[in-house]
Amino acid sequence: MAESGTISVRWVKSSIGYDRRQRATLRGLGFRRLQQRVDVEDTPAIRGMIRKVRHLVVVEED
């Protein structure tokens, strides 16, 4: 469950065939495996990272 000031994000689509930078962005968000959920801080930088891989992740609401 995400606390206030955090965003809960789930990696739902494989990064195979996508740019190396997009895979690096997923790692930067803290992902290690598909279907993993991470809670990250709600900052402009994190929102920008999520926007770059929005086709691979889903922002979950609890």
PDB file of N, CA and C in Angstrom:
ATOM      1  N   MET A   1       0.839  -1.181   0.000  1.00  0.00           N
ATOM      2  CA  MET A   1       0.000   0.000   0.000  1.00  0.00           C
ATOM      3  C   MET A   1       0.880   1.239   0.000  1.00  0.00           C
ATOM      4  N   ALA A   2       0.564   2.174  -0.865  1.00  0.00           N
ATOM      5  CA  ALA A   2       1.359   3.387  -0.985  1.00  0.00           C
ATOM      6  C   ALA A   2       0.973   4.389   0.102  1.00  0.00           C
ATOM      7  N   GLU A   3       1.961   5.008   0.695  1.00  0.00           N
ATOM      8  CA  GLU A   3       1.723   6.049   1.675  1.00  0.00           C
ATOM      9  C   GLU A   3       1.510   7.357   0.938  1.00  0.00           C
ATOM     10  N   SER A   4       1.085   8.392   1.652  1.00  0.00           N
ATOM     11  CA  SER A   4       0.943   9.684   0.990  1.00  0.00           C
ATOM     12  C   SER A   4       2.338  10.174   0.605  1.00  0.00           C
ATOM     13  N   GLY A   5       2.446  10.767  -0.569  1.00  0.00           N
ATOM     14  CA  GLY A   5       3.744  11.200  -1.062  1.00  0.00           C
ATOM     15  C   GLY A   5       4.467  10.139  -1.853  1.00  0.00           C
ATOM     16  N   THR A   6       3.811   8.984  -2.054  1.00  0.00           N
ATOM     17  CA  THR A   6       4.412   7.926  -2.857  1.00  0.00           C
ATOM     18  C   THR A   6       3.440   7.497  -3.950  1.00  0.00           C
ATOM     19  N   ILE A   7       3.992   6.868  -4.983  1.00  0.00           N
ATOM     20  CA  ILE A   7       3.204   6.339  -6.091  1.00  0.00           C
ATOM     21  C   ILE A   7       3.483   4.845  -6.169  1.00  0.00           C
ATOM     22  N   SER A   8       2.435   4.060  -6.334  1.00  0.00           N
ATOM     23  CA  SER A   8       2.572   2.618  -6.492  1.00  0.00           C
ATOM     24  C   SER A   8       2.528   2.300  -7.986  1.00  0.00           C
ATOM     25  N   VAL A   9       3.593   1.655  -8.490  1.00  0.00           N
ATOM     26  CA  VAL A   9       3.721   1.383  -9.919  1.00  0.00           C
ATOM     27  C   VAL A   9       3.974  -0.108 -10.115  1.00  0.00           C
ATOM     28  N   ARG A  10       3.297  -0.711 -11.108  1.00  0.00           N
ATOM     29  CA  ARG A  10       3.495  -2.124 -11.433  1.00  0.00           C
ATOM     30  C   ARG A  10       4.008  -2.230 -12.862  1.00  0.00           C
ATOM     31  N   TRP A  11       5.043  -3.076 -13.046  1.00  0.00           N
ATOM     32  CA  TRP A  11       5.623  -3.345 -14.369  1.00  0.00           C
ATOM     33  C   TRP A  11       4.796  -4.458 -14.999  1.00  0.00           C
ATOM     34  N   VAL A  12       4.093  -4.155 -16.128  1.00  0.00           N
ATOM     35  CA  VAL A  12       3.144  -5.113 -16.694  1.00  0.00           C
ATOM     36  C   VAL A  12       3.517  -5.635 -18.074  1.00  0.00           C
ATOM     37  N   LYS A  13       4.453  -5.006 -18.766  1.00  0.00           N
ATOM     38  CA  LYS A  13       4.805  -5.455 -20.112  1.00  0.00           C
ATOM     39  C   LYS A  13       6.316  -5.597 -20.217  1.00  0.00           C
ATOM     40  N   SER A  14       6.766  -6.647 -20.903  1.00  0.00           N
ATOM     41  CA  SER A  14       8.191  -6.926 -21.044  1.00  0.00           C
ATOM     42  C   SER A  14       8.906  -5.802 -21.785  1.00  0.00           C
ATOM     43  N   SER A  15      10.152  -5.578 -21.430  1.00  0.00           N
ATOM     44  CA  SER A  15      10.957  -4.540 -22.080  1.00  0.00           C
ATOM     45  C   SER A  15      11.806  -5.096 -23.217  1.00  0.00           C
ATOM     46  N   ILE A  16      11.624  -6.376 -23.557  1.00  0.00           N
ATOM     47  CA  ILE A  16      12.368  -6.970 -24.670  1.00  0.00           C
ATOM     48  C   ILE A  16      11.997  -6.235 -25.951  1.00  0.00           C
ATOM     49  N   GLY A  17      12.995  -5.845 -26.704  1.00  0.00           N
ATOM     50  CA  GLY A  17      12.762  -5.151 -27.961  1.00  0.00           C
ATOM     51  C   GLY A  17      12.679  -3.648 -27.825  1.00  0.00           C
ATOM     52  N   TYR A  18      12.746  -3.138 -26.611  1.00  0.00           N
ATOM     53  CA  TYR A  18      12.708  -1.701 -26.398  1.00  0.00           C
ATOM     54  C   TYR A  18      14.119  -1.169 -26.168  1.00  0.00           C
ATOM     55  N   ASP A  19      14.242   0.122 -26.277  1.00  0.00           N
ATOM     56  CA  ASP A  19      15.507   0.826 -26.153  1.00  0.00           C
ATOM     57  C   ASP A  19      16.189   0.531 -24.808  1.00  0.00           C
ATOM     58  N   ARG A  20      17.498   0.499 -24.823  1.00  0.00           N
ATOM     59  CA  ARG A  20      18.299   0.263 -23.611  1.00  0.00           C
ATOM     60  C   ARG A  20      17.996   1.318 -22.547  1.00  0.00           C
ATOM     61  N   ARG A  21      17.742   2.546 -22.979  1.00  0.00           N
ATOM     62  CA  ARG A  21      17.450   3.618 -22.023  1.00  0.00           C
ATOM     63  C   ARG A  21      16.135   3.367 -21.290  1.00  0.00           C
ATOM     64  N   GLN A  22      15.164   2.768 -21.974  1.00  0.00           N
ATOM     65  CA  GLN A  22      13.900   2.459 -21.314  1.00  0.00           C
ATOM     66  C   GLN A  22      14.092   1.346 -20.292  1.00  0.00           C
ATOM     67  N   ARG A  23      14.923   0.373 -20.609  1.00  0.00           N
ATOM     68  CA  ARG A  23      15.225  -0.682 -19.628  1.00  0.00           C
ATOM     69  C   ARG A  23      15.964  -0.085 -18.430  1.00  0.00           C
ATOM     70  N   ALA A  24      16.849   0.867 -18.688  1.00  0.00           N
ATOM     71  CA  ALA A  24      17.570   1.524 -17.595  1.00  0.00           C
ATOM     72  C   ALA A  24      16.611   2.343 -16.730  1.00  0.00           C
ATOM     73  N   THR A  25      15.608   2.935 -17.339  1.00  0.00           N
ATOM     74  CA  THR A  25      14.608   3.688 -16.584  1.00  0.00           C
ATOM     75  C   THR A  25      13.825   2.762 -15.660  1.00  0.00           C
ATOM     76  N   LEU A  26      13.469   1.583 -16.152  1.00  0.00           N
ATOM     77  CA  LEU A  26      12.780   0.607 -15.300  1.00  0.00           C
ATOM     78  C   LEU A  26      13.650   0.229 -14.106  1.00  0.00           C
ATOM     79  N   ARG A  27      14.933   0.013 -14.348  1.00  0.00           N
ATOM     80  CA  ARG A  27      15.858  -0.305 -13.247  1.00  0.00           C
ATOM     81  C   ARG A  27      15.953   0.874 -12.277  1.00  0.00           C
ATOM     82  N   GLY A  28      15.974   2.077 -12.821  1.00  0.00           N
ATOM     83  CA  GLY A  28      16.043   3.271 -11.986  1.00  0.00           C
ATOM     84  C   GLY A  28      14.822   3.441 -11.096  1.00  0.00           C
ATOM     85  N   LEU A  29      13.685   2.952 -11.562  1.00  0.00           N
ATOM     86  CA  LEU A  29      12.469   2.991 -10.750  1.00  0.00           C
ATOM     87  C   LEU A  29      12.473   1.900  -9.680  1.00  0.00           C
ATOM     88  N   GLY A  30      13.410   0.959  -9.772  1.00  0.00           N
ATOM     89  CA  GLY A  30      13.531  -0.085  -8.756  1.00  0.00           C
ATOM     90  C   GLY A  30      12.997  -1.436  -9.178  1.00  0.00           C
ATOM     91  N   PHE A  31      12.621  -1.578 -10.447  1.00  0.00           N
ATOM     92  CA  PHE A  31      12.087  -2.856 -10.918  1.00  0.00           C
ATOM     93  C   PHE A  31      13.204  -3.848 -11.184  1.00  0.00           C
ATOM     94  N   ARG A  32      12.928  -5.113 -10.864  1.00  0.00           N
ATOM     95  CA  ARG A  32      13.850  -6.205 -11.163  1.00  0.00           C
ATOM     96  C   ARG A  32      13.177  -7.278 -12.001  1.00  0.00           C
ATOM     97  N   ARG A  33      11.876  -7.461 -11.853  1.00  0.00           N
ATOM     98  CA  ARG A  33      11.185  -8.511 -12.616  1.00  0.00           C
ATOM     99  C   ARG A  33       9.786  -8.045 -13.006  1.00  0.00           C
ATOM    100  N   LEU A  34       9.274  -8.680 -14.038  1.00  0.00           N
ATOM    101  CA  LEU A  34       7.944  -8.385 -14.553  1.00  0.00           C
ATOM    102  C   LEU A  34       6.891  -8.663 -13.483  1.00  0.00           C
ATOM    103  N   GLN A  35       5.842  -7.888 -13.472  1.00  0.00           N
ATOM    104  CA  GLN A  35       4.724  -7.962 -12.516  1.00  0.00           C
ATOM    105  C   GLN A  35       5.114  -7.533 -11.102  1.00  0.00           C
ATOM    106  N   GLN A  36       6.284  -6.968 -10.943  1.00  0.00           N
ATOM    107  CA  GLN A  36       6.700  -6.467  -9.635  1.00  0.00           C
ATOM    108  C   GLN A  36       6.038  -5.113  -9.393  1.00  0.00           C
ATOM    109  N   ARG A  37       5.704  -4.834  -8.146  1.00  0.00           N
ATOM    110  CA  ARG A  37       5.145  -3.548  -7.765  1.00  0.00           C
ATOM    111  C   ARG A  37       6.145  -2.827  -6.875  1.00  0.00           C
ATOM    112  N   VAL A  38       6.372  -1.545  -7.149  1.00  0.00           N
ATOM    113  CA  VAL A  38       7.255  -0.742  -6.315  1.00  0.00           C
ATOM    114  C   VAL A  38       6.513   0.518  -5.887  1.00  0.00           C
ATOM    115  N   ASP A  39       6.849   1.007  -4.713  1.00  0.00           N
ATOM    116  CA  ASP A  39       6.344   2.283  -4.224  1.00  0.00           C
ATOM    117  C   ASP A  39       7.492   3.274  -4.301  1.00  0.00           C
ATOM    118  N   VAL A  40       7.302   4.336  -5.079  1.00  0.00           N
ATOM    119  CA  VAL A  40       8.350   5.331  -5.289  1.00  0.00           C
ATOM    120  C   VAL A  40       7.846   6.694  -4.837  1.00  0.00           C
ATOM    121  N   GLU A  41       8.785   7.593  -4.538  1.00  0.00           N
ATOM    122  CA  GLU A  41       8.425   8.943  -4.129  1.00  0.00           C
ATOM    123  C   GLU A  41       7.698   9.663  -5.251  1.00  0.00           C
ATOM    124  N   ASP A  42       6.780  10.528  -4.881  1.00  0.00           N
ATOM    125  CA  ASP A  42       6.049  11.325  -5.864  1.00  0.00           C
ATOM    126  C   ASP A  42       6.800  12.634  -6.088  1.00  0.00           C
ATOM    127  N   THR A  43       7.777  12.598  -7.008  1.00  0.00           N
ATOM    128  CA  THR A  43       8.556  13.783  -7.354  1.00  0.00           C
ATOM    129  C   THR A  43       8.453  14.016  -8.855  1.00  0.00           C
ATOM    130  N   PRO A  44       8.761  15.218  -9.324  1.00  0.00           N
ATOM    131  CA  PRO A  44       8.737  15.473 -10.770  1.00  0.00           C
ATOM    132  C   PRO A  44       9.673  14.550 -11.550  1.00  0.00           C
ATOM    133  N   ALA A  45      10.825  14.213 -10.987  1.00  0.00           N
ATOM    134  CA  ALA A  45      11.768  13.330 -11.676  1.00  0.00           C
ATOM    135  C   ALA A  45      11.181  11.925 -11.846  1.00  0.00           C
ATOM    136  N   ILE A  46      10.571  11.407 -10.795  1.00  0.00           N
ATOM    137  CA  ILE A  46       9.959  10.079 -10.858  1.00  0.00           C
ATOM    138  C   ILE A  46       8.785  10.082 -11.827  1.00  0.00           C
ATOM    139  N   ARG A  47       7.978  11.139 -11.807  1.00  0.00           N
ATOM    140  CA  ARG A  47       6.856  11.228 -12.748  1.00  0.00           C
ATOM    141  C   ARG A  47       7.360  11.251 -14.190  1.00  0.00           C
ATOM    142  N   GLY A  48       8.488  11.906 -14.428  1.00  0.00           N
ATOM    143  CA  GLY A  48       9.079  11.912 -15.764  1.00  0.00           C
ATOM    144  C   GLY A  48       9.558  10.537 -16.174  1.00  0.00           C
ATOM    145  N   MET A  49      10.137   9.788 -15.241  1.00  0.00           N
ATOM    146  CA  MET A  49      10.582   8.420 -15.536  1.00  0.00           C
ATOM    147  C   MET A  49       9.388   7.528 -15.864  1.00  0.00           C
ATOM    148  N   ILE A  50       8.312   7.672 -15.102  1.00  0.00           N
ATOM    149  CA  ILE A  50       7.107   6.882 -15.368  1.00  0.00           C
ATOM    150  C   ILE A  50       6.542   7.241 -16.739  1.00  0.00           C
ATOM    151  N   ARG A  51       6.571   8.509 -17.088  1.00  0.00           N
ATOM    152  CA  ARG A  51       6.061   8.944 -18.389  1.00  0.00           C
ATOM    153  C   ARG A  51       6.865   8.335 -19.536  1.00  0.00           C
ATOM    154  N   LYS A  52       8.166   8.170 -19.361  1.00  0.00           N
ATOM    155  CA  LYS A  52       9.011   7.594 -20.412  1.00  0.00           C
ATOM    156  C   LYS A  52       8.715   6.120 -20.663  1.00  0.00           C
ATOM    157  N   VAL A  53       8.229   5.415 -19.649  1.00  0.00           N
ATOM    158  CA  VAL A  53       7.935   3.983 -19.813  1.00  0.00           C
ATOM    159  C   VAL A  53       6.448   3.697 -19.566  1.00  0.00           C
ATOM    160  N   ARG A  54       5.597   4.670 -19.844  1.00  0.00           N
ATOM    161  CA  ARG A  54       4.167   4.518 -19.557  1.00  0.00           C
ATOM    162  C   ARG A  54       3.513   3.379 -20.329  1.00  0.00           C
ATOM    163  N   HIS A  55       4.119   2.945 -21.429  1.00  0.00           N
ATOM    164  CA  HIS A  55       3.593   1.822 -22.202  1.00  0.00           C
ATOM    165  C   HIS A  55       3.982   0.475 -21.584  1.00  0.00           C
ATOM    166  N   LEU A  56       4.857   0.487 -20.571  1.00  0.00           N
ATOM    167  CA  LEU A  56       5.320  -0.747 -19.930  1.00  0.00           C
ATOM    168  C   LEU A  56       4.820  -0.902 -18.493  1.00  0.00           C
ATOM    169  N   VAL A  57       4.346   0.180 -17.896  1.00  0.00           N
ATOM    170  CA  VAL A  57       3.952   0.151 -16.484  1.00  0.00           C
ATOM    171  C   VAL A  57       2.522   0.651 -16.307  1.00  0.00           C
ATOM    172  N   VAL A  58       1.975   0.364 -15.129  1.00  0.00           N
ATOM    173  CA  VAL A  58       0.657   0.855 -14.743  1.00  0.00           C
ATOM    174  C   VAL A  58       0.788   1.476 -13.362  1.00  0.00           C
ATOM    175  N   VAL A  59       0.241   2.680 -13.201  1.00  0.00           N
ATOM    176  CA  VAL A  59       0.200   3.321 -11.890  1.00  0.00           C
ATOM    177  C   VAL A  59      -1.052   2.811 -11.199  1.00  0.00           C
ATOM    178  N   GLU A  60      -0.868   2.203 -10.028  1.00  0.00           N
ATOM    179  CA  GLU A  60      -1.985   1.587  -9.306  1.00  0.00           C
ATOM    180  C   GLU A  60      -2.505   2.525  -8.231  1.00  0.00           C
ATOM    181  N   GLU A  61      -3.807   2.506  -8.060  1.00  0.00           N
ATOM    182  CA  GLU A  61      -4.458   3.284  -7.015  1.00  0.00           C
ATOM    183  C   GLU A  61      -4.942   2.314  -5.949  1.00  0.00           C
ATOM    184  N   ASP A  62      -4.638   2.597  -4.698  1.00  0.00           N
ATOM    185  CA  ASP A  62      -5.080   1.717  -3.602  1.00  0.00           C
ATOM    186  C   ASP A  62      -6.246   2.321  -2.873  1.00  0.00           C
TER     187      ASP A  62
END
